[in-house]
Amino acid sequence: MGQLRQEADPAEAGLDARALDRLDRHLARYVDEGRLPGCLVAVARGGRVAHLTVHGSRDVAAGLPVEPDTLWRIYSMTKPVTAVAVLMLAEEGRLSLDDPLDRFLPVFAGPRVYEGGAGADVRTRPASGPLLIRHLLTHTAGLTFGFYHQHPVDALYRQAGLEYSVPPGAGLAETVETYARMPLQFDPGTRWNYSVASNVLGRVLEVVSGRPLDAFFAERILGPLGMSDTGFHVEPEQAGRLAELYGETETGGIEPVPGPPVRGRPRFLSGSGGLVSSAHDFHRFMELLRRGGELDGTRLLSASAVAQMTRNQLPGNAVLRDFGTPVHQEPGNDGLGFGFNVSVVVDPSRTLAPSTPGTYGWTGAATTAFWVAPHHDLTVQFMSQVRPKTLELFPELRRLVHEALLD
């Protein structure tokens, strides 16, 4: 077990201590007002943590405080880890990003695309081209989430038991076979729709490596990087450090809610959102990316692979608000492109919060976030544990961090 610690004085790292104090007071208000149970924020430059603060509780009822070694369900911040794993196998020549998915998962042969109708009357047609590995990495595959309630294909997912991505009691292989029976929303590569694609990639990793996804992550990524507090479940000796999961109520408060099973190995190993991690461990993962695929003498990826992962992969340098399906055409997606399981700033003049070109990162469903800003040699992570309804914390978080930069 490692514990994240502050390593540098803010001024030495080019950060304004007064602006960081404003950041802390802003986050403390969310806790004091009962909108967050607790949180952790860490800001680093050049790999050295220059600001680390914790607020509130990891378990409100038990009176347990957030601590630097608290464990968090990071949900979709799992996706960049999955992308690294896929790129590792690509660099080893065991797959290509331009391989058809059915090379590894034959059940995806002959994909069909939604054409019209609803429910039992849905009409489909053959896809205009194959579904490729890179389409899964960029969320341009035509897959979806059942909880969107925006498109007739979303409804088909719900009818198949996929409202929360996995049928009750199913494992990864069985779940992915269910995805394959669903029509695509659009021809692969022609739109952007955030989806279950990373679960499909998780199954590809299992097939290509011959290892369960949790074992592959542990052996090839988490172990080599010293991320001993990260995995698909917590061991008994770690359980006391796990933050309670909360949901936002209709009145803006919070209450405990059930979450994915993490106290014991889950049957469903989600490459989309299954990991639990700590601030120490995720700092090390961000460092791997910031340093171009190497950390403490261990190289997992070439610098060119990381550069490919963290640049906009959408056609014509498109942004998510323009290239995305209607559910994604929102202001928060303006100015952002998408790499391999990370968003990428392509036009800072259009983003909701101040940023710089090439800044990349992602968020998690329980109010977690990270970003790496190469222009400022900056990494930031934020951890809390609330599934929001109306809570919109991240634009203000980005603004307040940006205001702390002195150079």
Protein backbone atom coordinates (compact mmCIF):
# COMPACT_ATOMS: atom_id res chain seq x y z
CA MET A 1 0.00 0.00 0.00
CA GLY A 2 1.30 3.45 -0.95
CA GLN A 3 0.02 6.78 0.28
CA LEU A 4 0.02 9.98 -1.73
CA ARG A 5 1.93 12.81 -0.08
CA GLN A 6 2.62 16.42 -0.91
CA GLU A 7 6.16 16.64 -2.25
CA ALA A 8 6.62 20.26 -3.26
CA ASP A 9 5.74 23.73 -2.06
CA PRO A 10 3.04 25.27 -4.29
CA ALA A 11 5.20 28.30 -5.11
CA GLU A 12 8.11 26.08 -6.17
CA ALA A 13 5.74 24.30 -8.53
CA GLY A 14 4.39 27.51 -10.03
CA LEU A 15 1.09 27.44 -8.16
CA ASP A 16 -0.60 30.32 -6.34
CA ALA A 17 -1.27 29.33 -2.72
CA ARG A 18 -4.11 31.86 -2.43
CA ALA A 19 -5.87 30.40 -5.46
CA LEU A 20 -5.43 26.92 -4.04
CA ASP A 21 -7.00 28.13 -0.81
CA ARG A 22 -10.00 29.33 -2.84
CA LEU A 23 -10.18 25.86 -4.38
CA ASP A 24 -10.17 24.24 -0.94
CA ARG A 25 -12.82 26.58 0.44
CA HIS A 26 -15.02 25.93 -2.59
CA LEU A 27 -14.82 22.16 -2.10
CA ALA A 28 -15.32 22.45 1.65
CA ARG A 29 -18.60 24.28 1.01
CA TYR A 30 -19.89 21.31 -0.97
CA VAL A 31 -19.15 19.11 2.03
CA ASP A 32 -20.51 21.57 4.60
CA GLU A 33 -23.74 21.95 2.61
CA GLY A 34 -24.19 18.17 2.48
CA ARG A 35 -23.79 17.90 -1.29
CA LEU A 36 -20.64 15.78 -1.02
CA PRO A 37 -19.82 13.38 1.81
CA GLY A 38 -16.13 14.11 1.41
CA CYS A 39 -13.49 14.48 -1.26
CA LEU A 40 -9.80 14.55 -2.11
CA VAL A 41 -8.03 16.80 -4.58
CA ALA A 42 -4.39 16.52 -5.68
CA VAL A 43 -2.52 18.85 -8.02
CA ALA A 44 0.94 17.99 -9.31
CA ARG A 45 3.42 19.62 -11.66
CA GLY A 46 6.35 17.81 -13.16
CA GLY A 47 5.13 14.71 -11.36
CA ARG A 48 5.52 16.27 -7.89
CA VAL A 49 2.38 16.72 -5.80
CA ALA A 50 2.23 20.37 -4.77
CA HIS A 51 -1.29 20.44 -3.36
CA LEU A 52 -3.15 17.66 -1.58
CA THR A 53 -6.20 18.21 0.56
CA VAL A 54 -9.01 16.08 1.95
CA HIS A 55 -12.42 17.17 3.17
CA GLY A 56 -15.29 15.48 4.95
CA SER A 57 -16.09 11.80 5.42
CA ARG A 58 -15.58 8.58 3.53
CA ASP A 59 -18.46 7.16 5.61
CA VAL A 60 -20.78 9.78 7.07
CA ALA A 61 -22.79 7.49 9.36
CA ALA A 62 -19.67 5.89 10.81
CA GLY A 63 -17.91 9.23 11.21
CA LEU A 64 -14.87 8.04 9.25
CA PRO A 65 -12.89 10.84 7.57
CA VAL A 66 -11.52 10.93 4.05
CA GLU A 67 -7.81 10.17 4.25
CA PRO A 68 -5.06 10.13 1.61
CA ASP A 69 -5.27 6.32 1.44
CA THR A 70 -9.08 6.13 1.08
CA LEU A 71 -10.25 3.75 -1.65
CA TRP A 72 -12.70 4.95 -4.30
CA ARG A 73 -14.84 3.31 -6.96
CA ILE A 74 -13.45 5.11 -10.00
CA TYR A 75 -16.06 3.81 -12.45
CA SER A 76 -15.26 5.13 -15.96
CA MET A 77 -11.74 6.18 -15.04
CA THR A 78 -11.23 2.44 -15.60
CA LYS A 79 -11.55 3.04 -19.34
CA PRO A 80 -8.13 4.65 -19.89
CA VAL A 81 -6.55 1.66 -18.10
CA THR A 82 -8.35 -0.61 -20.57
CA ALA A 83 -7.05 1.52 -23.44
CA VAL A 84 -3.47 1.16 -22.18
CA ALA A 85 -3.94 -2.61 -22.03
CA VAL A 86 -5.20 -2.75 -25.63
CA LEU A 87 -2.32 -0.59 -26.86
CA MET A 88 0.17 -2.84 -25.07
CA LEU A 89 -1.12 -5.87 -26.99
CA ALA A 90 -1.09 -3.85 -30.22
CA GLU A 91 2.57 -2.95 -29.70
CA GLU A 92 3.32 -6.62 -29.09
CA GLY A 93 1.73 -7.45 -32.44
CA ARG A 94 -1.02 -9.55 -30.89
CA LEU A 95 -3.76 -7.39 -32.34
CA SER A 96 -4.10 -4.35 -34.58
CA LEU A 97 -6.35 -1.37 -33.96
CA ASP A 98 -7.66 -1.93 -37.48
CA ASP A 99 -8.54 -5.58 -36.87
CA PRO A 100 -12.23 -6.40 -37.29
CA LEU A 101 -13.75 -7.21 -33.91
CA ASP A 102 -15.04 -10.54 -35.22
CA ARG A 103 -11.44 -11.76 -35.58
CA PHE A 104 -11.47 -12.18 -31.78
CA LEU A 105 -15.19 -12.33 -31.05
CA PRO A 106 -16.92 -14.12 -33.96
CA VAL A 107 -20.33 -13.36 -32.46
CA PHE A 108 -19.87 -9.80 -33.81
CA ALA A 109 -19.62 -10.98 -37.44
CA GLY A 110 -22.05 -9.33 -39.84
CA PRO A 111 -23.08 -6.33 -37.72
CA ARG A 112 -26.42 -4.77 -38.50
CA VAL A 113 -27.47 -1.15 -38.08
CA TYR A 114 -30.78 0.29 -36.88
CA GLU A 115 -32.89 1.56 -39.79
CA GLY A 116 -36.29 2.29 -38.24
CA GLY A 117 -39.14 1.12 -36.06
CA ALA A 118 -39.19 0.27 -32.38
CA GLY A 119 -39.43 -2.77 -30.12
CA ALA A 120 -40.40 -5.92 -32.01
CA ASP A 121 -40.83 -3.85 -35.19
CA VAL A 122 -37.23 -2.60 -35.38
CA ARG A 123 -35.80 -2.76 -38.89
CA THR A 124 -32.08 -3.19 -39.52
CA ARG A 125 -29.68 -3.30 -42.45
CA PRO A 126 -26.12 -4.58 -42.90
CA ALA A 127 -23.46 -2.19 -41.60
CA SER A 128 -21.51 -0.34 -44.29
CA GLY A 129 -18.24 -1.72 -42.97
CA PRO A 130 -16.71 -3.87 -40.22
CA LEU A 131 -16.62 -2.92 -36.57
CA LEU A 132 -12.92 -2.34 -35.74
CA ILE A 133 -10.96 -2.34 -32.48
CA ARG A 134 -10.29 1.38 -32.92
CA HIS A 135 -14.03 2.05 -33.09
CA LEU A 136 -14.34 0.57 -29.60
CA LEU A 137 -11.47 2.70 -28.28
CA THR A 138 -13.04 5.89 -29.66
CA HIS A 139 -16.70 5.08 -28.89
CA THR A 140 -17.58 5.32 -32.56
CA ALA A 141 -18.69 1.66 -32.79
CA GLY A 142 -22.44 2.27 -32.76
CA LEU A 143 -22.92 0.61 -29.35
CA THR A 144 -24.86 2.41 -26.61
CA PHE A 145 -26.05 2.38 -22.98
CA GLY A 146 -29.53 1.27 -22.04
CA PHE A 147 -29.97 4.07 -19.51
CA TYR A 148 -29.91 6.85 -22.13
CA HIS A 149 -33.64 6.54 -22.98
CA GLN A 150 -32.97 8.48 -26.20
CA HIS A 151 -33.00 6.00 -29.09
CA PRO A 152 -34.95 2.82 -29.96
CA VAL A 153 -31.72 0.81 -29.67
CA ASP A 154 -31.35 2.04 -26.08
CA ALA A 155 -34.74 0.47 -25.41
CA LEU A 156 -33.60 -2.83 -26.94
CA TYR A 157 -30.69 -2.85 -24.49
CA ARG A 158 -33.09 -2.41 -21.59
CA GLN A 159 -35.33 -5.17 -22.88
CA ALA A 160 -32.27 -7.46 -22.94
CA GLY A 161 -31.52 -6.70 -19.27
CA LEU A 162 -28.78 -4.19 -20.11
CA GLU A 163 -30.09 -1.01 -18.49
CA TYR A 164 -27.03 -1.05 -16.25
CA SER A 165 -24.75 -2.67 -18.86
CA VAL A 166 -24.86 -6.22 -17.45
CA PRO A 167 -27.73 -8.70 -17.09
CA PRO A 168 -28.22 -9.72 -13.45
CA GLY A 169 -25.75 -12.44 -12.49
CA ALA A 170 -23.97 -12.53 -15.86
CA GLY A 171 -20.22 -12.62 -16.43
CA LEU A 172 -18.21 -10.68 -19.00
CA ALA A 173 -18.32 -13.24 -21.83
CA GLU A 174 -22.08 -13.76 -21.55
CA THR A 175 -22.73 -10.02 -21.34
CA VAL A 176 -20.67 -9.23 -24.42
CA GLU A 177 -22.53 -11.90 -26.38
CA THR A 178 -25.74 -10.09 -25.44
CA TYR A 179 -24.31 -6.82 -26.79
CA ALA A 180 -23.52 -8.57 -30.07
CA ARG A 181 -27.20 -9.43 -30.57
CA MET A 182 -28.16 -5.74 -30.47
CA PRO A 183 -28.23 -3.63 -33.64
CA LEU A 184 -25.79 -0.76 -33.90
CA GLN A 185 -27.18 2.77 -33.69
CA PHE A 186 -25.12 3.87 -36.71
CA ASP A 187 -22.45 2.65 -39.09
CA PRO A 188 -19.10 2.20 -37.30
CA GLY A 189 -16.92 5.30 -37.41
CA THR A 190 -19.67 7.72 -38.42
CA ARG A 191 -20.81 9.14 -35.04
CA TRP A 192 -19.69 9.29 -31.40
CA ASN A 193 -21.80 7.62 -28.72
CA TYR A 194 -20.41 6.83 -25.29
CA SER A 195 -21.20 3.19 -24.67
CA VAL A 196 -20.43 -0.30 -23.38
CA ALA A 197 -17.51 -0.50 -25.82
CA SER A 198 -14.85 -0.84 -23.12
CA ASN A 199 -16.56 -3.93 -21.75
CA VAL A 200 -16.21 -5.44 -25.22
CA LEU A 201 -12.53 -4.45 -25.18
CA GLY A 202 -12.19 -6.16 -21.80
CA ARG A 203 -13.43 -9.38 -23.36
CA VAL A 204 -11.04 -8.94 -26.32
CA LEU A 205 -8.19 -8.61 -23.82
CA GLU A 206 -9.22 -11.89 -22.20
CA VAL A 207 -9.42 -13.74 -25.51
CA VAL A 208 -6.10 -12.42 -26.85
CA SER A 209 -4.15 -12.83 -23.61
CA GLY A 210 -5.78 -16.04 -22.41
CA ARG A 211 -6.12 -14.47 -18.95
CA PRO A 212 -9.13 -13.17 -16.97
CA LEU A 213 -9.31 -9.40 -17.16
CA ASP A 214 -8.46 -8.87 -13.50
CA ALA A 215 -5.40 -11.12 -13.78
CA PHE A 216 -4.22 -9.38 -16.96
CA PHE A 217 -4.54 -5.94 -15.37
CA ALA A 218 -2.73 -7.08 -12.21
CA GLU A 219 0.10 -8.84 -14.02
CA ARG A 220 0.71 -6.41 -16.86
CA ILE A 221 -0.28 -2.95 -15.54
CA LEU A 222 -1.16 -2.62 -11.86
CA GLY A 223 1.69 -4.77 -10.50
CA PRO A 224 4.45 -3.24 -12.64
CA LEU A 225 3.27 0.27 -11.76
CA GLY A 226 3.07 -0.43 -8.02
CA MET A 227 -0.69 0.17 -7.96
CA SER A 228 -1.28 -2.29 -5.13
CA ASP A 229 -4.55 -0.67 -4.00
CA THR A 230 -6.21 -0.92 -7.42
CA GLY A 231 -8.34 -3.81 -8.62
CA PHE A 232 -11.84 -5.08 -9.31
CA HIS A 233 -12.47 -5.79 -5.63
CA VAL A 234 -11.09 -4.93 -2.21
CA GLU A 235 -9.44 -7.49 0.04
CA PRO A 236 -10.68 -7.83 3.65
CA GLU A 237 -7.70 -5.88 4.97
CA GLN A 238 -8.54 -2.99 2.59
CA ALA A 239 -12.29 -2.87 3.23
CA GLY A 240 -12.11 -0.37 6.08
CA ARG A 241 -10.60 2.22 3.74
CA LEU A 242 -13.33 1.92 1.09
CA ALA A 243 -15.54 5.01 0.80
CA GLU A 244 -19.27 4.54 1.15
CA LEU A 245 -21.18 5.13 -2.10
CA TYR A 246 -23.84 7.85 -2.09
CA GLY A 247 -26.42 9.14 -4.51
CA GLU A 248 -27.73 12.66 -4.90
CA THR A 249 -31.32 13.05 -3.72
CA GLU A 250 -34.03 15.07 -5.46
CA THR A 251 -33.48 17.88 -2.96
CA GLY A 252 -29.70 18.06 -3.54
CA GLY A 253 -28.63 16.10 -0.48
CA ILE A 254 -27.02 12.67 -0.43
CA GLU A 255 -27.98 9.20 0.76
CA PRO A 256 -26.23 5.81 0.69
CA VAL A 257 -26.98 3.82 -2.47
CA PRO A 258 -26.06 0.30 -3.60
CA GLY A 259 -23.17 -0.04 -6.00
CA PRO A 260 -21.33 -2.71 -7.93
CA PRO A 261 -20.10 -5.57 -5.74
CA VAL A 262 -16.49 -4.90 -4.78
CA ARG A 263 -16.20 -6.76 -1.47
CA GLY A 264 -15.11 -10.00 -3.09
CA ARG A 265 -14.28 -10.80 -6.70
CA PRO A 266 -17.22 -9.84 -8.92
CA ARG A 267 -18.54 -12.18 -11.56
CA PHE A 268 -18.66 -9.32 -14.07
CA LEU A 269 -15.22 -7.78 -14.66
CA SER A 270 -15.96 -4.42 -16.26
CA GLY A 271 -13.28 -2.80 -18.41
CA SER A 272 -15.70 0.09 -18.63
CA GLY A 273 -16.13 0.93 -14.96
CA GLY A 274 -15.09 -1.83 -12.57
CA LEU A 275 -11.96 -0.61 -10.80
CA VAL A 276 -11.43 0.57 -7.24
CA SER A 277 -8.34 2.72 -6.70
CA SER A 278 -6.57 5.17 -4.40
CA ALA A 279 -5.13 8.62 -4.95
CA HIS A 280 -1.59 7.20 -4.74
CA ASP A 281 -2.30 4.59 -7.38
CA PHE A 282 -4.11 6.85 -9.79
CA HIS A 283 -1.34 9.42 -9.49
CA ARG A 284 1.01 6.71 -10.70
CA PHE A 285 -1.24 5.91 -13.64
CA MET A 286 -1.38 9.60 -14.61
CA GLU A 287 2.40 9.70 -14.33
CA LEU A 288 2.68 6.79 -16.76
CA LEU A 289 0.74 8.83 -19.30
CA ARG A 290 2.46 12.15 -18.55
CA ARG A 291 5.89 10.52 -18.94
CA GLY A 292 5.00 8.93 -22.27
CA GLY A 293 4.49 5.32 -21.21
CA GLU A 294 7.30 4.84 -18.65
CA LEU A 295 7.44 5.13 -14.87
CA ASP A 296 10.37 4.44 -12.53
CA GLY A 297 12.21 2.46 -15.18
CA THR A 298 9.18 0.37 -16.18
CA ARG A 299 7.96 0.99 -19.72
CA LEU A 300 4.50 -0.25 -20.61
CA LEU A 301 4.00 1.72 -23.83
CA SER A 302 6.07 3.64 -26.34
CA ALA A 303 5.82 7.41 -26.28
CA SER A 304 4.21 7.30 -29.73
CA ALA A 305 1.46 4.97 -28.45
CA VAL A 306 0.65 7.37 -25.59
CA ALA A 307 0.65 10.27 -28.05
CA GLN A 308 -1.81 8.36 -30.22
CA MET A 309 -4.01 7.56 -27.23
CA THR A 310 -4.13 11.18 -26.06
CA ARG A 311 -4.77 13.04 -29.31
CA ASN A 312 -8.10 13.58 -31.01
CA GLN A 313 -9.05 10.54 -33.08
CA LEU A 314 -12.39 11.81 -34.38
CA PRO A 315 -12.63 12.35 -38.15
CA GLY A 316 -11.65 15.82 -39.31
CA ASN A 317 -10.61 16.80 -35.78
CA ALA A 318 -14.31 16.94 -34.89
CA VAL A 319 -15.55 17.80 -31.40
CA LEU A 320 -17.93 15.70 -29.35
CA ARG A 321 -20.77 18.22 -29.39
CA ASP A 322 -20.82 18.20 -33.19
CA PHE A 323 -19.93 14.55 -33.91
CA GLY A 324 -21.85 13.01 -31.04
CA THR A 325 -25.35 11.60 -31.06
CA PRO A 326 -28.09 13.94 -29.73
CA VAL A 327 -27.66 12.83 -26.11
CA HIS A 328 -24.08 14.16 -26.23
CA GLN A 329 -24.77 17.49 -27.94
CA GLU A 330 -24.41 19.48 -24.73
CA PRO A 331 -22.22 22.48 -23.82
CA GLY A 332 -19.89 20.36 -21.69
CA ASN A 333 -18.77 18.53 -24.84
CA ASP A 334 -17.94 21.67 -26.80
CA GLY A 335 -14.30 22.10 -27.74
CA LEU A 336 -13.48 18.49 -26.82
CA GLY A 337 -12.36 15.73 -29.14
CA PHE A 338 -11.77 12.13 -28.14
CA GLY A 339 -8.71 9.90 -28.17
CA PHE A 340 -8.61 6.33 -26.93
CA ASN A 341 -10.90 6.41 -23.88
CA VAL A 342 -9.95 9.98 -22.96
CA SER A 343 -11.38 13.34 -23.98
CA VAL A 344 -8.93 15.79 -25.54
CA VAL A 345 -9.17 19.58 -25.66
CA VAL A 346 -8.99 20.71 -29.29
CA ASP A 347 -10.50 24.21 -29.03
CA PRO A 348 -10.14 25.91 -25.61
CA SER A 349 -12.20 28.85 -26.84
CA ARG A 350 -15.26 26.58 -26.83
CA THR A 351 -14.79 24.61 -23.59
CA LEU A 352 -16.91 25.35 -20.52
CA ALA A 353 -13.84 25.83 -18.32
CA PRO A 354 -10.42 27.37 -19.06
CA SER A 355 -8.04 24.86 -20.59
CA THR A 356 -5.17 24.42 -23.05
CA PRO A 357 -4.94 22.44 -26.29
CA GLY A 358 -4.00 18.81 -25.79
CA THR A 359 -5.30 18.54 -22.22
CA TYR A 360 -6.78 15.07 -21.79
CA GLY A 361 -8.56 13.07 -19.11
CA TRP A 362 -11.87 11.54 -18.10
CA THR A 363 -14.37 11.27 -15.25
CA GLY A 364 -16.17 8.58 -13.27
CA ALA A 365 -19.87 8.13 -12.46
CA ALA A 366 -19.39 8.72 -8.72
CA THR A 367 -17.91 12.23 -9.13
CA THR A 368 -14.29 11.35 -9.77
CA ALA A 369 -12.12 13.04 -12.40
CA PHE A 370 -8.57 13.37 -13.67
CA TRP A 371 -6.80 15.38 -16.30
CA VAL A 372 -3.31 15.82 -17.66
CA ALA A 373 -2.33 19.19 -19.16
CA PRO A 374 0.93 18.74 -21.09
CA HIS A 375 1.23 22.49 -21.79
CA HIS A 376 1.54 23.14 -18.04
CA ASP A 377 3.12 19.77 -17.11
CA LEU A 378 0.13 19.44 -14.80
CA THR A 379 -1.83 16.49 -13.46
CA VAL A 380 -4.98 16.78 -11.37
CA GLN A 381 -7.20 14.21 -9.73
CA PHE A 382 -10.41 14.62 -7.79
CA MET A 383 -12.06 11.84 -5.80
CA SER A 384 -15.47 11.73 -4.18
CA GLN A 385 -18.21 9.11 -4.10
CA VAL A 386 -21.58 10.52 -5.15
CA ARG A 387 -23.66 9.44 -8.11
CA PRO A 388 -25.08 12.82 -9.19
CA LYS A 389 -28.40 13.96 -10.58
CA THR A 390 -27.83 17.71 -10.95
CA LEU A 391 -24.43 18.17 -9.29
CA GLU A 392 -22.04 19.85 -11.76
CA LEU A 393 -18.75 20.26 -9.98
CA PHE A 394 -16.10 19.80 -12.64
CA PRO A 395 -16.22 23.07 -14.64
CA GLU A 396 -15.67 25.04 -11.44
CA LEU A 397 -12.95 22.62 -10.33
CA ARG A 398 -11.12 23.11 -13.64
CA ARG A 399 -11.49 26.90 -13.44
CA LEU A 400 -10.16 27.09 -9.91
CA VAL A 401 -7.15 24.90 -10.71
CA HIS A 402 -6.46 26.93 -13.85
CA GLU A 403 -6.51 30.14 -11.80
CA ALA A 404 -3.79 28.70 -9.55
CA LEU A 405 -1.28 28.37 -12.41
CA LEU A 406 1.42 31.03 -12.28
CA ASP A 407 3.16 29.99 -15.51
